[in-house]
Amino acid sequence: MELRHLNYFVAVAERLNFSRAAEHLHVAQPAVSQQIRALEGELGVRLFERVGKRVLLTEAGRALLPHARLILSTVEIARNDLRERGALTRGTARLGAPPTVSAHILPTRITAFEQKYPGLDVTLREAGTETLIKLVEDGQLDLAIASADTLPAPLESAPFWEEDYVLAVGAEHKLGKRKSVALAELAEEAFILFPEGYKLRDVTLSACRAAGFRPRVALDGGAMQSALQFVAAGLGVALVPLLALTDTANIHALRLTDQSLRRTLGLVWRKGHALSPAAGALRDFLREG
């Protein structure tokens, strides 16, 4: 089975028309028909059938199509990697990060990276740790900045960021004049919970459980911006990484005295997987700080 055969097959399968496939491939129609017959002969099955003037995929053709697309896509990725490898003149790195990191750390670092490598682009995806880990595992992201305390076996990481979790309250909150608080004092407070898949949701629930209470919820599933707006308005309190309070107004941060809560983020990628040159350059750049 040759790549040329698969390329012709996918062109016809996506258009269900030999003439349009030939136009797309910039060849004569008989050449397309010849390549399809050669592929069918090698496989021993019919891939297309004609019903009147219509061209339809057979059951075998439908089964082959996703495999053919995957093979051609993999080959194209390999070609692109080799083209990029020379001088890192073009390419894209797919990076994921939680909202606090993408808002407060990555803008300057990505700008510096793209200034160093003008031909390379970075696409950024915001999500919680569980989602980011799955996207890296599935190959939809090259790299992610995520909680690295318990990683699945196929992944590995390098240290990236570490900071304390603090209690965020509105400036006019009764705790707004204090510098610290025991979490056990907050059993009657209304809490903001972050969406499923965010490490911060698990941290909040676990910390409240350890303090002996189940949190009363003011906002369930709010993103960071919504959560901070609720806090600033005095509608609830939230456990947040200190980074989240950068340049915020009307919010006061309290250190926790009865629990040591820290966020440890790693730069995560697939173990044993050869990153594209662009992604490899970004990993090295971010690890250098």
C-alpha atoms as a PDB file:
ATOM      1  CA  MET A   1       0.000   0.000   0.000  1.00  0.00           C
ATOM      2  CA  GLU A   2       1.541   3.286  -1.094  1.00  0.00           C
ATOM      3  CA  LEU A   3       0.909   6.759   0.288  1.00  0.00           C
ATOM      4  CA  ARG A   4      -0.084   7.858  -3.192  1.00  0.00           C
ATOM      5  CA  HIS A   5      -2.877   5.277  -3.201  1.00  0.00           C
ATOM      6  CA  LEU A   6      -4.173   6.510   0.149  1.00  0.00           C
ATOM      7  CA  ASN A   7      -3.975  10.130  -0.942  1.00  0.00           C
ATOM      8  CA  TYR A   8      -6.076   9.412  -4.035  1.00  0.00           C
ATOM      9  CA  PHE A   9      -8.513   7.305  -2.015  1.00  0.00           C
ATOM     10  CA  VAL A  10      -9.104  10.050   0.587  1.00  0.00           C
ATOM     11  CA  ALA A  11      -9.549  12.675  -2.139  1.00  0.00           C
ATOM     12  CA  VAL A  12     -12.305  10.626  -3.782  1.00  0.00           C
ATOM     13  CA  ALA A  13     -13.872   9.564  -0.463  1.00  0.00           C
ATOM     14  CA  GLU A  14     -14.185  13.156   0.734  1.00  0.00           C
ATOM     15  CA  ARG A  15     -15.757  14.361  -2.517  1.00  0.00           C
ATOM     16  CA  LEU A  16     -17.533  11.205  -3.735  1.00  0.00           C
ATOM     17  CA  ASN A  17     -16.680  12.381  -7.222  1.00  0.00           C
ATOM     18  CA  PHE A  18     -13.743  11.216  -9.337  1.00  0.00           C
ATOM     19  CA  SER A  19     -13.646  14.379 -11.453  1.00  0.00           C
ATOM     20  CA  ARG A  20     -13.522  16.740  -8.471  1.00  0.00           C
ATOM     21  CA  ALA A  21     -10.921  14.536  -6.804  1.00  0.00           C
ATOM     22  CA  ALA A  22      -8.787  14.738  -9.946  1.00  0.00           C
ATOM     23  CA  GLU A  23      -9.094  18.539  -9.968  1.00  0.00           C
ATOM     24  CA  HIS A  24      -8.057  18.667  -6.319  1.00  0.00           C
ATOM     25  CA  LEU A  25      -5.047  16.433  -7.007  1.00  0.00           C
ATOM     26  CA  HIS A  26      -4.154  18.278 -10.251  1.00  0.00           C
ATOM     27  CA  VAL A  27      -4.145  15.055 -12.278  1.00  0.00           C
ATOM     28  CA  ALA A  28      -6.281  13.578 -15.020  1.00  0.00           C
ATOM     29  CA  GLN A  29      -9.333  11.584 -13.973  1.00  0.00           C
ATOM     30  CA  PRO A  30      -8.051   8.303 -15.487  1.00  0.00           C
ATOM     31  CA  ALA A  31      -5.025   8.515 -13.206  1.00  0.00           C
ATOM     32  CA  VAL A  32      -7.313   8.674 -10.169  1.00  0.00           C
ATOM     33  CA  SER A  33      -9.333   5.687 -11.357  1.00  0.00           C
ATOM     34  CA  GLN A  34      -6.126   3.747 -12.005  1.00  0.00           C
ATOM     35  CA  GLN A  35      -4.771   4.388  -8.503  1.00  0.00           C
ATOM     36  CA  ILE A  36      -8.078   3.409  -6.880  1.00  0.00           C
ATOM     37  CA  ARG A  37      -8.175   0.158  -8.894  1.00  0.00           C
ATOM     38  CA  ALA A  38      -4.598  -0.573  -7.840  1.00  0.00           C
ATOM     39  CA  LEU A  39      -5.473  -0.051  -4.175  1.00  0.00           C
ATOM     40  CA  GLU A  40      -8.599  -2.192  -4.445  1.00  0.00           C
ATOM     41  CA  GLY A  41      -6.582  -4.909  -6.162  1.00  0.00           C
ATOM     42  CA  GLU A  42      -3.980  -4.908  -3.404  1.00  0.00           C
ATOM     43  CA  LEU A  43      -6.599  -4.976  -0.629  1.00  0.00           C
ATOM     44  CA  GLY A  44      -8.894  -7.426  -2.396  1.00  0.00           C
ATOM     45  CA  VAL A  45     -12.011  -5.376  -1.736  1.00  0.00           C
ATOM     46  CA  ARG A  46     -14.160  -2.788  -3.495  1.00  0.00           C
ATOM     47  CA  LEU A  47     -13.834   0.656  -1.919  1.00  0.00           C
ATOM     48  CA  PHE A  48     -16.392   2.514  -4.027  1.00  0.00           C
ATOM     49  CA  GLU A  49     -19.565   1.611  -5.815  1.00  0.00           C
ATOM     50  CA  ARG A  50     -21.525   3.518  -8.431  1.00  0.00           C
ATOM     51  CA  VAL A  51     -25.280   3.920  -8.016  1.00  0.00           C
ATOM     52  CA  GLY A  52     -26.475   5.643 -11.152  1.00  0.00           C
ATOM     53  CA  LYS A  53     -24.294   8.745 -11.418  1.00  0.00           C
ATOM     54  CA  ARG A  54     -23.482   8.715  -7.707  1.00  0.00           C
ATOM     55  CA  VAL A  55     -20.287   7.395  -6.146  1.00  0.00           C
ATOM     56  CA  LEU A  56     -20.632   5.826  -2.700  1.00  0.00           C
ATOM     57  CA  LEU A  57     -18.193   4.330  -0.235  1.00  0.00           C
ATOM     58  CA  THR A  58     -18.596   0.623   0.378  1.00  0.00           C
ATOM     59  CA  GLU A  59     -18.472  -0.766   3.900  1.00  0.00           C
ATOM     60  CA  ALA A  60     -14.788  -1.538   3.344  1.00  0.00           C
ATOM     61  CA  GLY A  61     -14.211   2.019   2.105  1.00  0.00           C
ATOM     62  CA  ARG A  62     -15.862   3.483   5.198  1.00  0.00           C
ATOM     63  CA  ALA A  63     -13.670   1.271   7.389  1.00  0.00           C
ATOM     64  CA  LEU A  64     -10.490   2.312   5.576  1.00  0.00           C
ATOM     65  CA  LEU A  65     -11.146   6.072   5.551  1.00  0.00           C
ATOM     66  CA  PRO A  66     -10.231   6.934   9.195  1.00  0.00           C
ATOM     67  CA  HIS A  67      -7.077   4.816   8.975  1.00  0.00           C
ATOM     68  CA  ALA A  68      -6.049   6.456   5.727  1.00  0.00           C
ATOM     69  CA  ARG A  69      -6.597   9.927   7.169  1.00  0.00           C
ATOM     70  CA  LEU A  70      -4.552   9.058  10.254  1.00  0.00           C
ATOM     71  CA  ILE A  71      -1.676   7.681   8.175  1.00  0.00           C
ATOM     72  CA  LEU A  72      -1.586  10.737   5.904  1.00  0.00           C
ATOM     73  CA  SER A  73      -1.829  13.092   8.888  1.00  0.00           C
ATOM     74  CA  THR A  74       1.044  11.316  10.653  1.00  0.00           C
ATOM     75  CA  VAL A  75       3.204  11.523   7.552  1.00  0.00           C
ATOM     76  CA  GLU A  76       2.443  15.246   7.186  1.00  0.00           C
ATOM     77  CA  ILE A  77       3.384  15.835  10.825  1.00  0.00           C
ATOM     78  CA  ALA A  78       6.678  14.026  10.225  1.00  0.00           C
ATOM     79  CA  ARG A  79       7.370  16.131   7.145  1.00  0.00           C
ATOM     80  CA  ASN A  80       6.599  19.347   9.009  1.00  0.00           C
ATOM     81  CA  ASP A  81       8.814  18.315  11.908  1.00  0.00           C
ATOM     82  CA  LEU A  82      11.718  17.733   9.561  1.00  0.00           C
ATOM     83  CA  ARG A  83      11.169  21.074   7.841  1.00  0.00           C
ATOM     84  CA  GLU A  84      11.063  22.904  11.171  1.00  0.00           C
ATOM     85  CA  ARG A  85      14.058  21.091  12.617  1.00  0.00           C
ATOM     86  CA  GLY A  86      16.666  23.010  10.671  1.00  0.00           C
ATOM     87  CA  ALA A  87      16.548  26.537  12.077  1.00  0.00           C
ATOM     88  CA  LEU A  88      13.189  26.651  13.894  1.00  0.00           C
ATOM     89  CA  THR A  89      11.911  28.970  11.229  1.00  0.00           C
ATOM     90  CA  ARG A  90       8.292  27.842  11.451  1.00  0.00           C
ATOM     91  CA  GLY A  91       6.031  25.689  13.545  1.00  0.00           C
ATOM     92  CA  THR A  92       3.408  25.765  16.273  1.00  0.00           C
ATOM     93  CA  ALA A  93       3.542  24.659  19.904  1.00  0.00           C
ATOM     94  CA  ARG A  94       0.259  23.812  21.656  1.00  0.00           C
ATOM     95  CA  LEU A  95       0.330  24.813  25.323  1.00  0.00           C
ATOM     96  CA  GLY A  96      -2.303  24.502  28.030  1.00  0.00           C
ATOM     97  CA  ALA A  97      -2.481  26.308  31.373  1.00  0.00           C
ATOM     98  CA  PRO A  98      -4.892  27.244  34.161  1.00  0.00           C
ATOM     99  CA  PRO A  99      -6.421  30.729  33.865  1.00  0.00           C
ATOM    100  CA  THR A 100      -4.277  32.320  36.586  1.00  0.00           C
ATOM    101  CA  VAL A 101      -1.071  31.235  34.869  1.00  0.00           C
ATOM    102  CA  SER A 102      -2.248  32.186  31.384  1.00  0.00           C
ATOM    103  CA  ALA A 103      -3.305  35.621  32.641  1.00  0.00           C
ATOM    104  CA  HIS A 104      -0.399  36.571  34.893  1.00  0.00           C
ATOM    105  CA  ILE A 105       2.694  34.592  33.855  1.00  0.00           C
ATOM    106  CA  LEU A 106       2.457  33.473  30.254  1.00  0.00           C
ATOM    107  CA  PRO A 107       1.806  36.722  28.345  1.00  0.00           C
ATOM    108  CA  THR A 108       5.316  38.061  28.937  1.00  0.00           C
ATOM    109  CA  ARG A 109       6.969  34.663  28.554  1.00  0.00           C
ATOM    110  CA  ILE A 110       5.191  33.789  25.320  1.00  0.00           C
ATOM    111  CA  THR A 111       5.967  37.244  23.938  1.00  0.00           C
ATOM    112  CA  ALA A 112       9.645  36.756  24.783  1.00  0.00           C
ATOM    113  CA  PHE A 113       9.604  33.286  23.199  1.00  0.00           C
ATOM    114  CA  GLU A 114       8.071  34.544  19.950  1.00  0.00           C
ATOM    115  CA  GLN A 115      10.578  37.401  19.853  1.00  0.00           C
ATOM    116  CA  LYS A 116      13.399  34.863  20.148  1.00  0.00           C
ATOM    117  CA  TYR A 117      11.805  32.584  17.528  1.00  0.00           C
ATOM    118  CA  PRO A 118       9.860  34.878  15.161  1.00  0.00           C
ATOM    119  CA  GLY A 119       8.741  31.991  12.956  1.00  0.00           C
ATOM    120  CA  LEU A 120       7.193  29.963  15.775  1.00  0.00           C
ATOM    121  CA  ASP A 121       3.681  30.342  17.149  1.00  0.00           C
ATOM    122  CA  VAL A 122       2.169  29.318  20.458  1.00  0.00           C
ATOM    123  CA  THR A 123      -1.495  28.399  20.774  1.00  0.00           C
ATOM    124  CA  LEU A 124      -2.791  28.573  24.351  1.00  0.00           C
ATOM    125  CA  ARG A 125      -5.673  26.568  25.837  1.00  0.00           C
ATOM    126  CA  GLU A 126      -7.102  27.481  29.260  1.00  0.00           C
ATOM    127  CA  ALA A 127      -8.544  24.680  31.389  1.00  0.00           C
ATOM    128  CA  GLY A 128      -8.352  22.943  34.743  1.00  0.00           C
ATOM    129  CA  THR A 129      -5.737  20.366  35.650  1.00  0.00           C
ATOM    130  CA  GLU A 130      -7.825  17.267  34.886  1.00  0.00           C
ATOM    131  CA  THR A 131      -8.728  18.539  31.444  1.00  0.00           C
ATOM    132  CA  LEU A 132      -5.180  19.655  30.659  1.00  0.00           C
ATOM    133  CA  ILE A 133      -3.705  16.308  31.692  1.00  0.00           C
ATOM    134  CA  LYS A 134      -6.156  14.448  29.461  1.00  0.00           C
ATOM    135  CA  LEU A 135      -5.433  16.742  26.504  1.00  0.00           C
ATOM    136  CA  VAL A 136      -1.702  16.076  26.835  1.00  0.00           C
ATOM    137  CA  GLU A 137      -2.297  12.325  27.163  1.00  0.00           C
ATOM    138  CA  ASP A 138      -4.477  12.356  24.041  1.00  0.00           C
ATOM    139  CA  GLY A 139      -1.908  14.333  22.052  1.00  0.00           C
ATOM    140  CA  GLN A 140      -4.164  17.370  21.649  1.00  0.00           C
ATOM    141  CA  LEU A 141      -1.651  19.503  23.575  1.00  0.00           C
ATOM    142  CA  ASP A 142       2.134  19.319  23.362  1.00  0.00           C
ATOM    143  CA  LEU A 143       2.694  20.797  26.812  1.00  0.00           C
ATOM    144  CA  ALA A 144       0.635  21.861  29.796  1.00  0.00           C
ATOM    145  CA  ILE A 145       1.247  23.727  33.020  1.00  0.00           C
ATOM    146  CA  ALA A 146      -0.712  21.760  35.583  1.00  0.00           C
ATOM    147  CA  SER A 147      -0.694  20.340  39.077  1.00  0.00           C
ATOM    148  CA  ALA A 148       2.058  17.741  38.959  1.00  0.00           C
ATOM    149  CA  ASP A 149       1.704  16.043  42.346  1.00  0.00           C
ATOM    150  CA  THR A 150      -0.020  12.960  40.895  1.00  0.00           C
ATOM    151  CA  LEU A 151       0.614  12.446  37.188  1.00  0.00           C
ATOM    152  CA  PRO A 152      -0.513   9.461  35.088  1.00  0.00           C
ATOM    153  CA  ALA A 153       2.297   7.094  34.143  1.00  0.00           C
ATOM    154  CA  PRO A 154       2.516   8.212  30.464  1.00  0.00           C
ATOM    155  CA  LEU A 155       3.425  11.777  31.506  1.00  0.00           C
ATOM    156  CA  GLU A 156       6.440  13.460  33.026  1.00  0.00           C
ATOM    157  CA  SER A 157       7.088  16.986  34.238  1.00  0.00           C
ATOM    158  CA  ALA A 158       9.614  19.596  35.269  1.00  0.00           C
ATOM    159  CA  PRO A 159       9.039  22.135  38.089  1.00  0.00           C
ATOM    160  CA  PHE A 160       7.450  25.365  36.913  1.00  0.00           C
ATOM    161  CA  TRP A 161       5.734  27.329  39.719  1.00  0.00           C
ATOM    162  CA  GLU A 162       5.016  27.041  43.429  1.00  0.00           C
ATOM    163  CA  GLU A 163       2.955  29.323  45.651  1.00  0.00           C
ATOM    164  CA  ASP A 164       0.603  29.414  48.634  1.00  0.00           C
ATOM    165  CA  TYR A 165      -3.158  29.209  48.559  1.00  0.00           C
ATOM    166  CA  VAL A 166      -4.756  32.081  50.482  1.00  0.00           C
ATOM    167  CA  LEU A 167      -8.265  32.962  51.578  1.00  0.00           C
ATOM    168  CA  ALA A 168      -9.699  35.792  49.486  1.00  0.00           C
ATOM    169  CA  VAL A 169     -12.355  37.993  51.125  1.00  0.00           C
ATOM    170  CA  GLY A 170     -13.937  41.286  50.178  1.00  0.00           C
ATOM    171  CA  ALA A 171     -12.237  44.427  51.474  1.00  0.00           C
ATOM    172  CA  GLU A 172     -15.305  45.198  53.601  1.00  0.00           C
ATOM    173  CA  HIS A 173     -15.603  41.653  54.951  1.00  0.00           C
ATOM    174  CA  LYS A 174     -15.414  41.246  58.732  1.00  0.00           C
ATOM    175  CA  LEU A 175     -12.065  39.474  58.220  1.00  0.00           C
ATOM    176  CA  GLY A 176     -10.780  42.226  55.947  1.00  0.00           C
ATOM    177  CA  LYS A 177      -8.549  43.784  58.633  1.00  0.00           C
ATOM    178  CA  ARG A 178      -6.853  40.542  59.632  1.00  0.00           C
ATOM    179  CA  LYS A 179      -3.667  39.069  58.178  1.00  0.00           C
ATOM    180  CA  SER A 180      -4.411  35.426  58.877  1.00  0.00           C
ATOM    181  CA  VAL A 181      -7.236  33.079  59.749  1.00  0.00           C
ATOM    182  CA  ALA A 182      -7.773  29.458  60.693  1.00  0.00           C
ATOM    183  CA  LEU A 183      -9.890  27.637  58.163  1.00  0.00           C
ATOM    184  CA  ALA A 184     -11.855  26.131  61.026  1.00  0.00           C
ATOM    185  CA  GLU A 185     -13.241  29.632  61.728  1.00  0.00           C
ATOM    186  CA  LEU A 186     -15.005  29.689  58.354  1.00  0.00           C
ATOM    187  CA  ALA A 187     -17.675  27.045  58.840  1.00  0.00           C
ATOM    188  CA  GLU A 188     -20.441  29.640  58.552  1.00  0.00           C
ATOM    189  CA  GLU A 189     -19.001  31.450  55.522  1.00  0.00           C
ATOM    190  CA  ALA A 190     -20.329  31.071  51.995  1.00  0.00           C
ATOM    191  CA  PHE A 191     -17.669  29.674  49.640  1.00  0.00           C
ATOM    192  CA  ILE A 192     -17.099  29.958  45.923  1.00  0.00           C
ATOM    193  CA  LEU A 193     -16.416  26.562  44.323  1.00  0.00           C
ATOM    194  CA  PHE A 194     -14.585  26.303  41.025  1.00  0.00           C
ATOM    195  CA  PRO A 195     -15.706  24.059  38.124  1.00  0.00           C
ATOM    196  CA  GLU A 196     -15.303  20.288  37.982  1.00  0.00           C
ATOM    197  CA  GLY A 197     -11.863  19.388  36.668  1.00  0.00           C
ATOM    198  CA  TYR A 198     -10.136  22.299  38.434  1.00  0.00           C
ATOM    199  CA  LYS A 199      -7.642  21.328  41.112  1.00  0.00           C
ATOM    200  CA  LEU A 200      -8.801  24.331  43.138  1.00  0.00           C
ATOM    201  CA  ARG A 201     -12.237  22.785  43.623  1.00  0.00           C
ATOM    202  CA  ASP A 202     -10.700  19.651  45.159  1.00  0.00           C
ATOM    203  CA  VAL A 203      -8.343  21.742  47.297  1.00  0.00           C
ATOM    204  CA  THR A 204     -11.252  23.770  48.703  1.00  0.00           C
ATOM    205  CA  LEU A 205     -13.437  20.757  49.476  1.00  0.00           C
ATOM    206  CA  SER A 206     -10.557  18.785  51.008  1.00  0.00           C
ATOM    207  CA  ALA A 207      -9.405  21.732  53.145  1.00  0.00           C
ATOM    208  CA  CYS A 208     -12.914  22.354  54.485  1.00  0.00           C
ATOM    209  CA  ARG A 209     -13.304  18.663  55.212  1.00  0.00           C
ATOM    210  CA  ALA A 210     -10.019  18.658  57.129  1.00  0.00           C
ATOM    211  CA  ALA A 211     -11.272  21.688  59.094  1.00  0.00           C
ATOM    212  CA  GLY A 212     -14.358  19.749  60.104  1.00  0.00           C
ATOM    213  CA  PHE A 213     -17.130  21.236  57.980  1.00  0.00           C
ATOM    214  CA  ARG A 214     -18.824  21.062  54.604  1.00  0.00           C
ATOM    215  CA  PRO A 215     -18.720  24.450  52.880  1.00  0.00           C
ATOM    216  CA  ARG A 216     -21.882  26.423  52.278  1.00  0.00           C
ATOM    217  CA  VAL A 217     -21.805  27.348  48.586  1.00  0.00           C
ATOM    218  CA  ALA A 218     -22.480  30.842  47.216  1.00  0.00           C
ATOM    219  CA  LEU A 219     -21.332  30.109  43.640  1.00  0.00           C
ATOM    220  CA  ASP A 220     -20.755  26.643  42.228  1.00  0.00           C
ATOM    221  CA  GLY A 221     -18.693  26.234  39.084  1.00  0.00           C
ATOM    222  CA  GLY A 222     -17.652  29.846  38.646  1.00  0.00           C
ATOM    223  CA  ALA A 223     -14.519  30.666  36.676  1.00  0.00           C
ATOM    224  CA  MET A 224     -11.793  32.687  38.375  1.00  0.00           C
ATOM    225  CA  GLN A 225     -13.013  36.085  37.159  1.00  0.00           C
ATOM    226  CA  SER A 226     -16.568  35.405  38.338  1.00  0.00           C
ATOM    227  CA  ALA A 227     -15.292  34.064  41.650  1.00  0.00           C
ATOM    228  CA  LEU A 228     -13.232  37.180  42.341  1.00  0.00           C
ATOM    229  CA  GLN A 229     -16.174  39.419  41.432  1.00  0.00           C
ATOM    230  CA  PHE A 230     -18.321  37.546  43.952  1.00  0.00           C
ATOM    231  CA  VAL A 231     -15.580  37.885  46.568  1.00  0.00           C
ATOM    232  CA  ALA A 232     -15.127  41.612  45.922  1.00  0.00           C
ATOM    233  CA  ALA A 233     -18.890  42.111  46.225  1.00  0.00           C
ATOM    234  CA  GLY A 234     -18.901  40.395  49.613  1.00  0.00           C
ATOM    235  CA  LEU A 235     -21.004  37.460  48.413  1.00  0.00           C
ATOM    236  CA  GLY A 236     -18.585  34.754  49.436  1.00  0.00           C
ATOM    237  CA  VAL A 237     -14.993  33.785  50.202  1.00  0.00           C
ATOM    238  CA  ALA A 238     -12.639  31.643  48.145  1.00  0.00           C
ATOM    239  CA  LEU A 239      -9.427  29.708  48.438  1.00  0.00           C
ATOM    240  CA  VAL A 240      -7.265  30.905  45.570  1.00  0.00           C
ATOM    241  CA  PRO A 241      -3.598  30.819  44.587  1.00  0.00           C
ATOM    242  CA  LEU A 242      -1.873  34.051  45.553  1.00  0.00           C
ATOM    243  CA  LEU A 243      -1.156  34.693  41.872  1.00  0.00           C
ATOM    244  CA  ALA A 244      -4.875  35.101  41.207  1.00  0.00           C
ATOM    245  CA  LEU A 245      -4.968  38.273  43.302  1.00  0.00           C
ATOM    246  CA  THR A 246      -2.451  40.132  41.149  1.00  0.00           C
ATOM    247  CA  ASP A 247      -3.821  43.609  40.331  1.00  0.00           C
ATOM    248  CA  THR A 248      -7.195  42.948  41.956  1.00  0.00           C
ATOM    249  CA  ALA A 249      -9.174  45.644  43.747  1.00  0.00           C
ATOM    250  CA  ASN A 250     -11.458  45.399  46.778  1.00  0.00           C
ATOM    251  CA  ILE A 251     -10.110  41.971  47.745  1.00  0.00           C
ATOM    252  CA  HIS A 252      -8.065  41.108  50.813  1.00  0.00           C
ATOM    253  CA  ALA A 253      -5.861  37.994  51.175  1.00  0.00           C
ATOM    254  CA  LEU A 254      -5.476  36.110  54.459  1.00  0.00           C
ATOM    255  CA  ARG A 255      -2.813  33.531  55.247  1.00  0.00           C
ATOM    256  CA  LEU A 256      -4.125  30.226  56.624  1.00  0.00           C
ATOM    257  CA  THR A 257      -2.773  29.257  60.035  1.00  0.00           C
ATOM    258  CA  ASP A 258      -4.174  25.762  60.578  1.00  0.00           C
ATOM    259  CA  GLN A 259      -3.343  24.188  57.200  1.00  0.00           C
ATOM    260  CA  SER A 260      -0.387  24.464  54.858  1.00  0.00           C
ATOM    261  CA  LEU A 261      -1.855  24.669  51.383  1.00  0.00           C
ATOM    262  CA  ARG A 262       0.510  25.151  48.459  1.00  0.00           C
ATOM    263  CA  ARG A 263       0.099  24.873  44.722  1.00  0.00           C
ATOM    264  CA  THR A 264       2.882  23.088  42.880  1.00  0.00           C
ATOM    265  CA  LEU A 265       2.674  23.352  39.112  1.00  0.00           C
ATOM    266  CA  GLY A 266       4.793  21.456  36.649  1.00  0.00           C
ATOM    267  CA  LEU A 267       5.452  21.735  32.951  1.00  0.00           C
ATOM    268  CA  VAL A 268       3.977  18.466  31.671  1.00  0.00           C
ATOM    269  CA  TRP A 269       4.507  16.471  28.480  1.00  0.00           C
ATOM    270  CA  ARG A 270       4.184  12.895  27.231  1.00  0.00           C
ATOM    271  CA  LYS A 271       6.973  10.631  28.392  1.00  0.00           C
ATOM    272  CA  GLY A 272       9.042   9.117  25.606  1.00  0.00           C
ATOM    273  CA  HIS A 273       7.219  11.177  22.971  1.00  0.00           C
ATOM    274  CA  ALA A 274       9.301  13.167  20.528  1.00  0.00           C
ATOM    275  CA  LEU A 275       8.017  16.738  20.687  1.00  0.00           C
ATOM    276  CA  SER A 276       7.919  18.783  17.517  1.00  0.00           C
ATOM    277  CA  PRO A 277      10.881  21.163  17.274  1.00  0.00           C
ATOM    278  CA  ALA A 278       8.616  24.123  18.089  1.00  0.00           C
ATOM    279  CA  ALA A 279       7.199  22.419  21.185  1.00  0.00           C
ATOM    280  CA  GLY A 280      10.660  21.279  22.248  1.00  0.00           C
ATOM    281  CA  ALA A 281      11.970  24.819  21.957  1.00  0.00           C
ATOM    282  CA  LEU A 282       9.051  26.120  24.033  1.00  0.00           C
ATOM    283  CA  ARG A 283       9.611  23.472  26.714  1.00  0.00           C
ATOM    284  CA  ASP A 284      13.288  24.392  26.986  1.00  0.00           C
ATOM    285  CA  PHE A 285      12.463  28.107  27.034  1.00  0.00           C
ATOM    286  CA  LEU A 286       9.882  27.764  29.833  1.00  0.00           C
ATOM    287  CA  ARG A 287      12.141  25.507  31.885  1.00  0.00           C
ATOM    288  CA  GLU A 288      14.893  28.099  31.711  1.00  0.00           C
ATOM    289  CA  GLY A 289      12.452  30.582  33.288  1.00  0.00           C
END
